[in-house]
């Protein structure tokens, strides 16, 4: 804080010197102009400039039950999967059908986000003393906010069942997945032919098992198609 007082001329100071000496004792009893952020008025004719700086940092906030929780918790997830990447939804749906498990979830791992926020406030105040008890001024607040976030993904076998295929390996991975999908689809087609023809030709190869349990044969064909669809999505 800087206070600019009126500056009288040197001649006026010399003329007032005897009076100043007589009033020295009473002046000691008066409270000086404060250099802190308080309500002390600016002396008449004086100009005061105040610049402060306040820093606030935090990395937690209060939760619904009043407990402090990390600031990055809403961005964290136990399973980084289709909820964050909707493109994984068709693959997840196909795998659920193939595994007959509606609770199956694809996950790239456990996502943990650590974040903190900083607020820097710099108020600049300029005040002028109109009278001994009245001053006017202007306050200009300068506020800077910044938030930093760091994320980590635990891709170990405990938290992940899905991984990233590097560019150089994508061609071979596609070929393998497509071959698996083709094999399952051929098996489903073969079962379809047997289910259709075996009732009229029970002695044909493979018809004994199909005719013994037609429902199981139809279920096996449906499972083969589901696996073919899943492998096609993965390709």
C-alpha atoms as a PDB file:
ATOM      1  CA  UNK A   1       0.000   0.000   0.000  1.00  0.00           C
ATOM      2  CA  UNK A   2       1.320   3.443  -0.966  1.00  0.00           C
ATOM      3  CA  UNK A   3      -0.112   6.717   0.372  1.00  0.00           C
ATOM      4  CA  UNK A   4       0.651   9.985  -1.394  1.00  0.00           C
ATOM      5  CA  UNK A   5       0.125  12.951   0.956  1.00  0.00           C
ATOM      6  CA  UNK A   6      -0.128  16.634  -0.107  1.00  0.00           C
ATOM      7  CA  UNK A   7       3.343  18.174  -0.215  1.00  0.00           C
ATOM      8  CA  UNK A   8       3.452  21.803   1.108  1.00  0.00           C
ATOM      9  CA  UNK A   9       6.222  24.112   0.074  1.00  0.00           C
ATOM     10  CA  UNK A  10       9.475  24.367   2.075  1.00  0.00           C
ATOM     11  CA  UNK A  11       8.722  27.968   3.119  1.00  0.00           C
ATOM     12  CA  UNK A  12       5.376  26.915   4.536  1.00  0.00           C
ATOM     13  CA  UNK A  13       7.075  24.131   6.489  1.00  0.00           C
ATOM     14  CA  UNK A  14       9.569  26.576   8.022  1.00  0.00           C
ATOM     15  CA  UNK A  15       6.787  28.962   9.057  1.00  0.00           C
ATOM     16  CA  UNK A  16       4.820  26.130  10.628  1.00  0.00           C
ATOM     17  CA  UNK A  17       7.818  24.577  12.430  1.00  0.00           C
ATOM     18  CA  UNK A  18       7.116  26.182  15.871  1.00  0.00           C
ATOM     19  CA  UNK A  19       3.520  25.020  15.739  1.00  0.00           C
ATOM     20  CA  UNK A  20       4.583  21.532  14.754  1.00  0.00           C
ATOM     21  CA  UNK A  21       6.907  21.314  17.746  1.00  0.00           C
ATOM     22  CA  UNK A  22       4.108  22.379  20.102  1.00  0.00           C
ATOM     23  CA  UNK A  23       1.710  19.803  18.638  1.00  0.00           C
ATOM     24  CA  UNK A  24       4.174  16.910  18.664  1.00  0.00           C
ATOM     25  CA  UNK A  25       2.868  15.542  21.954  1.00  0.00           C
ATOM     26  CA  UNK A  26      -0.768  15.533  20.886  1.00  0.00           C
ATOM     27  CA  UNK A  27       0.114  14.005  17.498  1.00  0.00           C
ATOM     28  CA  UNK A  28       1.620  10.967  19.230  1.00  0.00           C
ATOM     29  CA  UNK A  29      -1.808  10.076  20.634  1.00  0.00           C
ATOM     30  CA  UNK A  30      -3.411   9.907  17.189  1.00  0.00           C
ATOM     31  CA  UNK A  31      -3.579   6.557  15.404  1.00  0.00           C
ATOM     32  CA  UNK A  32      -1.323   6.417  12.289  1.00  0.00           C
ATOM     33  CA  UNK A  33      -2.556   5.490   8.848  1.00  0.00           C
ATOM     34  CA  UNK A  34      -2.730   1.706   8.689  1.00  0.00           C
ATOM     35  CA  UNK A  35      -0.810  -0.296   6.098  1.00  0.00           C
ATOM     36  CA  UNK A  36      -3.177  -3.241   6.483  1.00  0.00           C
ATOM     37  CA  UNK A  37      -6.525  -3.967   4.807  1.00  0.00           C
ATOM     38  CA  UNK A  38      -8.794  -2.168   7.252  1.00  0.00           C
ATOM     39  CA  UNK A  39     -11.315   0.682   7.374  1.00  0.00           C
ATOM     40  CA  UNK A  40      -8.845   3.442   8.217  1.00  0.00           C
ATOM     41  CA  UNK A  41      -9.905   6.565   6.242  1.00  0.00           C
ATOM     42  CA  UNK A  42      -7.542   8.313   3.885  1.00  0.00           C
ATOM     43  CA  UNK A  43      -6.405  11.714   5.237  1.00  0.00           C
ATOM     44  CA  UNK A  44      -7.876  14.749   3.519  1.00  0.00           C
ATOM     45  CA  UNK A  45      -6.042  15.508   0.287  1.00  0.00           C
ATOM     46  CA  UNK A  46      -4.086  12.222   0.339  1.00  0.00           C
ATOM     47  CA  UNK A  47      -4.092   9.555  -2.338  1.00  0.00           C
ATOM     48  CA  UNK A  48      -3.721   5.881  -1.355  1.00  0.00           C
ATOM     49  CA  UNK A  49      -2.871   2.977  -3.672  1.00  0.00           C
ATOM     50  CA  UNK A  50      -3.316  -0.554  -2.349  1.00  0.00           C
ATOM     51  CA  UNK A  51      -2.318  -3.774  -4.148  1.00  0.00           C
ATOM     52  CA  UNK A  52      -2.881  -7.122  -2.442  1.00  0.00           C
ATOM     53  CA  UNK A  53      -2.441 -10.717  -3.512  1.00  0.00           C
ATOM     54  CA  UNK A  54      -4.456 -13.699  -2.261  1.00  0.00           C
ATOM     55  CA  UNK A  55      -3.785 -17.306  -3.282  1.00  0.00           C
ATOM     56  CA  UNK A  56      -6.255 -20.159  -2.855  1.00  0.00           C
ATOM     57  CA  UNK A  57      -5.457 -23.790  -3.640  1.00  0.00           C
ATOM     58  CA  UNK A  58      -7.644 -26.854  -3.146  1.00  0.00           C
ATOM     59  CA  UNK A  59      -7.796 -30.464  -4.315  1.00  0.00           C
ATOM     60  CA  UNK A  60     -10.832 -31.651  -2.327  1.00  0.00           C
ATOM     61  CA  UNK A  61     -14.459 -30.668  -1.918  1.00  0.00           C
ATOM     62  CA  UNK A  62     -17.268 -31.540   0.454  1.00  0.00           C
ATOM     63  CA  UNK A  63     -19.477 -34.441  -0.601  1.00  0.00           C
ATOM     64  CA  UNK A  64     -23.208 -34.956   0.046  1.00  0.00           C
ATOM     65  CA  UNK A  65     -22.538 -36.380   3.516  1.00  0.00           C
ATOM     66  CA  UNK A  66     -20.117 -33.618   4.472  1.00  0.00           C
ATOM     67  CA  UNK A  67     -16.982 -35.727   4.026  1.00  0.00           C
ATOM     68  CA  UNK A  68     -14.077 -34.395   1.965  1.00  0.00           C
ATOM     69  CA  UNK A  69     -13.633 -36.183  -1.371  1.00  0.00           C
ATOM     70  CA  UNK A  70     -10.874 -35.692  -3.979  1.00  0.00           C
ATOM     71  CA  UNK A  71     -11.690 -33.127  -6.651  1.00  0.00           C
ATOM     72  CA  UNK A  72     -11.036 -35.631  -9.430  1.00  0.00           C
ATOM     73  CA  UNK A  73     -13.436 -38.298  -8.164  1.00  0.00           C
ATOM     74  CA  UNK A  74     -16.312 -37.375 -10.552  1.00  0.00           C
ATOM     75  CA  UNK A  75     -13.919 -37.881 -13.479  1.00  0.00           C
ATOM     76  CA  UNK A  76     -12.553 -41.208 -12.207  1.00  0.00           C
ATOM     77  CA  UNK A  77     -14.044 -44.604 -13.065  1.00  0.00           C
ATOM     78  CA  UNK A  78     -13.505 -48.176 -11.914  1.00  0.00           C
ATOM     79  CA  UNK A  79     -14.023 -49.338 -15.496  1.00  0.00           C
ATOM     80  CA  UNK A  80     -12.944 -47.322 -18.523  1.00  0.00           C
ATOM     81  CA  UNK A  81     -15.222 -48.754 -21.176  1.00  0.00           C
ATOM     82  CA  UNK A  82     -18.362 -48.160 -23.229  1.00  0.00           C
ATOM     83  CA  UNK A  83     -19.667 -45.456 -20.877  1.00  0.00           C
ATOM     84  CA  UNK A  84     -16.672 -43.271 -21.818  1.00  0.00           C
ATOM     85  CA  UNK A  85     -16.188 -44.634 -25.371  1.00  0.00           C
ATOM     86  CA  UNK A  86     -19.592 -45.316 -27.027  1.00  0.00           C
ATOM     87  CA  UNK A  87     -17.802 -46.922 -29.997  1.00  0.00           C
ATOM     88  CA  UNK A  88     -17.242 -49.973 -27.768  1.00  0.00           C
ATOM     89  CA  UNK A  89     -20.985 -50.513 -27.259  1.00  0.00           C
ATOM     90  CA  UNK A  90     -21.581 -52.765 -30.339  1.00  0.00           C
ATOM     91  CA  UNK A  91     -18.618 -54.960 -29.385  1.00  0.00           C
ATOM     92  CA  UNK A  92     -19.786 -55.195 -25.785  1.00  0.00           C
ATOM     93  CA  UNK A  93     -23.325 -56.085 -26.900  1.00  0.00           C
ATOM     94  CA  UNK A  94     -22.048 -58.840 -29.178  1.00  0.00           C
ATOM     95  CA  UNK A  95     -19.818 -60.307 -26.487  1.00  0.00           C
ATOM     96  CA  UNK A  96     -22.677 -60.292 -23.981  1.00  0.00           C
ATOM     97  CA  UNK A  97     -24.825 -62.245 -26.423  1.00  0.00           C
ATOM     98  CA  UNK A  98     -22.035 -64.716 -27.165  1.00  0.00           C
ATOM     99  CA  UNK A  99     -21.212 -65.281 -23.501  1.00  0.00           C
ATOM    100  CA  UNK A 100     -24.894 -65.177 -22.427  1.00  0.00           C
ATOM    101  CA  UNK A 101     -23.832 -62.745 -19.725  1.00  0.00           C
ATOM    102  CA  UNK A 102     -25.710 -59.406 -19.687  1.00  0.00           C
ATOM    103  CA  UNK A 103     -23.402 -58.075 -16.970  1.00  0.00           C
ATOM    104  CA  UNK A 104     -20.214 -58.450 -19.039  1.00  0.00           C
ATOM    105  CA  UNK A 105     -18.368 -55.161 -19.408  1.00  0.00           C
ATOM    106  CA  UNK A 106     -15.436 -54.208 -21.572  1.00  0.00           C
ATOM    107  CA  UNK A 107     -12.769 -52.265 -19.723  1.00  0.00           C
ATOM    108  CA  UNK A 108      -9.468 -50.703 -20.684  1.00  0.00           C
ATOM    109  CA  UNK A 109      -8.630 -50.446 -16.996  1.00  0.00           C
ATOM    110  CA  UNK A 110      -9.300 -48.404 -13.897  1.00  0.00           C
ATOM    111  CA  UNK A 111      -9.252 -44.649 -14.522  1.00  0.00           C
ATOM    112  CA  UNK A 112      -7.967 -42.398 -11.758  1.00  0.00           C
ATOM    113  CA  UNK A 113      -7.921 -38.602 -12.176  1.00  0.00           C
ATOM    114  CA  UNK A 114      -6.030 -36.332  -9.794  1.00  0.00           C
ATOM    115  CA  UNK A 115      -6.767 -32.628 -10.081  1.00  0.00           C
ATOM    116  CA  UNK A 116      -6.237 -29.410  -8.143  1.00  0.00           C
ATOM    117  CA  UNK A 117      -7.416 -25.846  -8.601  1.00  0.00           C
ATOM    118  CA  UNK A 118      -5.733 -22.496  -7.946  1.00  0.00           C
ATOM    119  CA  UNK A 119      -7.339 -19.068  -7.680  1.00  0.00           C
ATOM    120  CA  UNK A 120      -5.111 -15.970  -7.589  1.00  0.00           C
ATOM    121  CA  UNK A 121      -6.878 -12.716  -6.680  1.00  0.00           C
ATOM    122  CA  UNK A 122      -5.129  -9.339  -7.000  1.00  0.00           C
ATOM    123  CA  UNK A 123      -7.349  -6.402  -5.989  1.00  0.00           C
ATOM    124  CA  UNK A 124      -6.032  -2.938  -6.919  1.00  0.00           C
ATOM    125  CA  UNK A 125      -7.623  -0.069  -4.963  1.00  0.00           C
ATOM    126  CA  UNK A 126      -7.117   3.675  -5.486  1.00  0.00           C
ATOM    127  CA  UNK A 127      -8.586   5.987  -2.803  1.00  0.00           C
ATOM    128  CA  UNK A 128      -8.662   9.750  -2.317  1.00  0.00           C
ATOM    129  CA  UNK A 129      -9.336  11.532   0.946  1.00  0.00           C
ATOM    130  CA  UNK A 130     -12.065  14.151   0.414  1.00  0.00           C
ATOM    131  CA  UNK A 131     -12.282  15.140   4.110  1.00  0.00           C
ATOM    132  CA  UNK A 132     -10.880  13.795   7.340  1.00  0.00           C
ATOM    133  CA  UNK A 133     -13.753  11.311   7.553  1.00  0.00           C
ATOM    134  CA  UNK A 134     -14.726  10.838   3.918  1.00  0.00           C
ATOM    135  CA  UNK A 135     -12.774   9.172   1.132  1.00  0.00           C
ATOM    136  CA  UNK A 136     -13.722   7.885  -2.304  1.00  0.00           C
ATOM    137  CA  UNK A 137     -12.026   5.253  -4.389  1.00  0.00           C
ATOM    138  CA  UNK A 138     -12.178   2.607  -7.067  1.00  0.00           C
ATOM    139  CA  UNK A 139     -11.429  -1.124  -6.742  1.00  0.00           C
ATOM    140  CA  UNK A 140     -10.294  -3.249  -9.697  1.00  0.00           C
ATOM    141  CA  UNK A 141     -10.214  -7.002  -8.946  1.00  0.00           C
ATOM    142  CA  UNK A 142      -7.966  -9.175 -11.095  1.00  0.00           C
ATOM    143  CA  UNK A 143      -8.799 -12.882 -10.748  1.00  0.00           C
ATOM    144  CA  UNK A 144      -6.890 -15.748 -12.368  1.00  0.00           C
ATOM    145  CA  UNK A 145      -8.092 -19.353 -12.109  1.00  0.00           C
ATOM    146  CA  UNK A 146      -6.264 -22.493 -13.159  1.00  0.00           C
ATOM    147  CA  UNK A 147      -7.083 -26.192 -12.861  1.00  0.00           C
ATOM    148  CA  UNK A 148      -4.596 -29.002 -13.480  1.00  0.00           C
ATOM    149  CA  UNK A 149      -5.639 -32.620 -14.024  1.00  0.00           C
ATOM    150  CA  UNK A 150      -3.529 -35.774 -14.350  1.00  0.00           C
ATOM    151  CA  UNK A 151      -5.020 -39.136 -15.300  1.00  0.00           C
ATOM    152  CA  UNK A 152      -3.681 -42.678 -14.959  1.00  0.00           C
ATOM    153  CA  UNK A 153      -5.139 -45.950 -16.252  1.00  0.00           C
ATOM    154  CA  UNK A 154      -4.422 -49.221 -14.456  1.00  0.00           C
ATOM    155  CA  UNK A 155      -4.461 -51.642 -17.369  1.00  0.00           C
ATOM    156  CA  UNK A 156      -3.496 -54.772 -15.403  1.00  0.00           C
ATOM    157  CA  UNK A 157      -5.440 -58.030 -15.679  1.00  0.00           C
ATOM    158  CA  UNK A 158      -7.398 -57.225 -12.509  1.00  0.00           C
ATOM    159  CA  UNK A 159      -9.028 -54.126 -14.024  1.00  0.00           C
ATOM    160  CA  UNK A 160      -8.775 -54.599 -17.822  1.00  0.00           C
ATOM    161  CA  UNK A 161     -10.035 -57.164 -20.357  1.00  0.00           C
ATOM    162  CA  UNK A 162      -9.463 -55.012 -23.437  1.00  0.00           C
ATOM    163  CA  UNK A 163      -6.267 -53.589 -24.875  1.00  0.00           C
ATOM    164  CA  UNK A 164      -4.916 -51.320 -27.577  1.00  0.00           C
ATOM    165  CA  UNK A 165      -3.621 -52.929 -30.778  1.00  0.00           C
ATOM    166  CA  UNK A 166      -0.641 -51.117 -32.234  1.00  0.00           C
ATOM    167  CA  UNK A 167      -0.763 -49.951 -35.840  1.00  0.00           C
ATOM    168  CA  UNK A 168       1.786 -52.490 -37.071  1.00  0.00           C
ATOM    169  CA  UNK A 169      -0.215 -55.402 -35.587  1.00  0.00           C
ATOM    170  CA  UNK A 170      -3.714 -54.377 -36.717  1.00  0.00           C
ATOM    171  CA  UNK A 171      -3.556 -56.155 -40.065  1.00  0.00           C
ATOM    172  CA  UNK A 172      -2.675 -59.553 -38.556  1.00  0.00           C
ATOM    173  CA  UNK A 173      -5.237 -59.062 -35.759  1.00  0.00           C
ATOM    174  CA  UNK A 174      -7.935 -58.341 -38.340  1.00  0.00           C
ATOM    175  CA  UNK A 175      -7.013 -61.437 -40.323  1.00  0.00           C
ATOM    176  CA  UNK A 176      -7.173 -63.650 -37.228  1.00  0.00           C
ATOM    177  CA  UNK A 177     -10.506 -62.251 -36.026  1.00  0.00           C
ATOM    178  CA  UNK A 178     -12.029 -62.499 -39.503  1.00  0.00           C
ATOM    179  CA  UNK A 179     -10.935 -66.145 -39.764  1.00  0.00           C
ATOM    180  CA  UNK A 180     -12.588 -66.922 -36.420  1.00  0.00           C
ATOM    181  CA  UNK A 181     -15.806 -65.173 -37.490  1.00  0.00           C
ATOM    182  CA  UNK A 182     -15.816 -67.114 -40.791  1.00  0.00           C
ATOM    183  CA  UNK A 183     -15.327 -70.443 -39.009  1.00  0.00           C
ATOM    184  CA  UNK A 184     -18.221 -69.839 -36.619  1.00  0.00           C
ATOM    185  CA  UNK A 185     -20.480 -68.712 -39.457  1.00  0.00           C
ATOM    186  CA  UNK A 186     -19.667 -71.856 -41.475  1.00  0.00           C
ATOM    187  CA  UNK A 187     -20.447 -73.978 -38.426  1.00  0.00           C
ATOM    188  CA  UNK A 188     -23.794 -72.183 -38.024  1.00  0.00           C
ATOM    189  CA  UNK A 189     -24.578 -72.746 -41.715  1.00  0.00           C
ATOM    190  CA  UNK A 190     -23.746 -76.449 -41.394  1.00  0.00           C
ATOM    191  CA  UNK A 191     -26.066 -76.789 -38.424  1.00  0.00           C
ATOM    192  CA  UNK A 192     -28.820 -74.990 -40.325  1.00  0.00           C
ATOM    193  CA  UNK A 193     -28.518 -77.508 -43.161  1.00  0.00           C
ATOM    194  CA  UNK A 194     -28.644 -80.449 -40.733  1.00  0.00           C
ATOM    195  CA  UNK A 195     -31.610 -79.031 -38.819  1.00  0.00           C
ATOM    196  CA  UNK A 196     -33.472 -78.588 -42.121  1.00  0.00           C
ATOM    197  CA  UNK A 197     -32.634 -81.938 -43.822  1.00  0.00           C
ATOM    198  CA  UNK A 198     -32.171 -84.400 -40.960  1.00  0.00           C
ATOM    199  CA  UNK A 199     -35.885 -84.962 -40.193  1.00  0.00           C
ATOM    200  CA  UNK A 200     -36.304 -86.312 -43.745  1.00  0.00           C
ATOM    201  CA  UNK A 201     -32.944 -88.154 -43.880  1.00  0.00           C
ATOM    202  CA  UNK A 202     -32.233 -89.479 -40.371  1.00  0.00           C
ATOM    203  CA  UNK A 203     -29.409 -91.804 -41.495  1.00  0.00           C
ATOM    204  CA  UNK A 204     -27.247 -89.007 -42.929  1.00  0.00           C
ATOM    205  CA  UNK A 205     -23.977 -88.110 -41.233  1.00  0.00           C
ATOM    206  CA  UNK A 206     -24.564 -85.987 -38.109  1.00  0.00           C
ATOM    207  CA  UNK A 207     -28.319 -86.364 -38.175  1.00  0.00           C
ATOM    208  CA  UNK A 208     -28.514 -88.756 -35.240  1.00  0.00           C
ATOM    209  CA  UNK A 209     -27.398 -86.108 -32.738  1.00  0.00           C
ATOM    210  CA  UNK A 210     -29.542 -83.406 -34.347  1.00  0.00           C
ATOM    211  CA  UNK A 211     -32.677 -85.553 -34.384  1.00  0.00           C
ATOM    212  CA  UNK A 212     -32.034 -86.664 -30.795  1.00  0.00           C
ATOM    213  CA  UNK A 213     -32.273 -83.035 -29.531  1.00  0.00           C
ATOM    214  CA  UNK A 214     -33.406 -80.527 -32.181  1.00  0.00           C
ATOM    215  CA  UNK A 215     -33.750 -77.731 -29.578  1.00  0.00           C
ATOM    216  CA  UNK A 216     -30.118 -78.103 -28.492  1.00  0.00           C
ATOM    217  CA  UNK A 217     -29.013 -78.077 -32.126  1.00  0.00           C
ATOM    218  CA  UNK A 218     -30.915 -74.839 -32.733  1.00  0.00           C
ATOM    219  CA  UNK A 219     -29.397 -73.310 -29.584  1.00  0.00           C
ATOM    220  CA  UNK A 220     -25.888 -74.350 -30.713  1.00  0.00           C
ATOM    221  CA  UNK A 221     -26.477 -72.701 -34.080  1.00  0.00           C
ATOM    222  CA  UNK A 222     -27.624 -69.482 -32.363  1.00  0.00           C
ATOM    223  CA  UNK A 223     -24.512 -69.501 -30.170  1.00  0.00           C
ATOM    224  CA  UNK A 224     -22.287 -70.002 -33.225  1.00  0.00           C
ATOM    225  CA  UNK A 225     -23.908 -67.023 -34.939  1.00  0.00           C
ATOM    226  CA  UNK A 226     -23.438 -64.923 -31.791  1.00  0.00           C
ATOM    227  CA  UNK A 227     -19.730 -65.813 -31.669  1.00  0.00           C
ATOM    228  CA  UNK A 228     -19.421 -64.992 -35.376  1.00  0.00           C
ATOM    229  CA  UNK A 229     -21.012 -61.599 -34.818  1.00  0.00           C
ATOM    230  CA  UNK A 230     -18.705 -60.892 -31.852  1.00  0.00           C
ATOM    231  CA  UNK A 231     -15.612 -61.851 -33.827  1.00  0.00           C
ATOM    232  CA  UNK A 232     -16.799 -59.669 -36.722  1.00  0.00           C
ATOM    233  CA  UNK A 233     -17.159 -56.680 -34.368  1.00  0.00           C
ATOM    234  CA  UNK A 234     -13.664 -57.288 -32.991  1.00  0.00           C
ATOM    235  CA  UNK A 235     -12.243 -57.454 -36.504  1.00  0.00           C
END
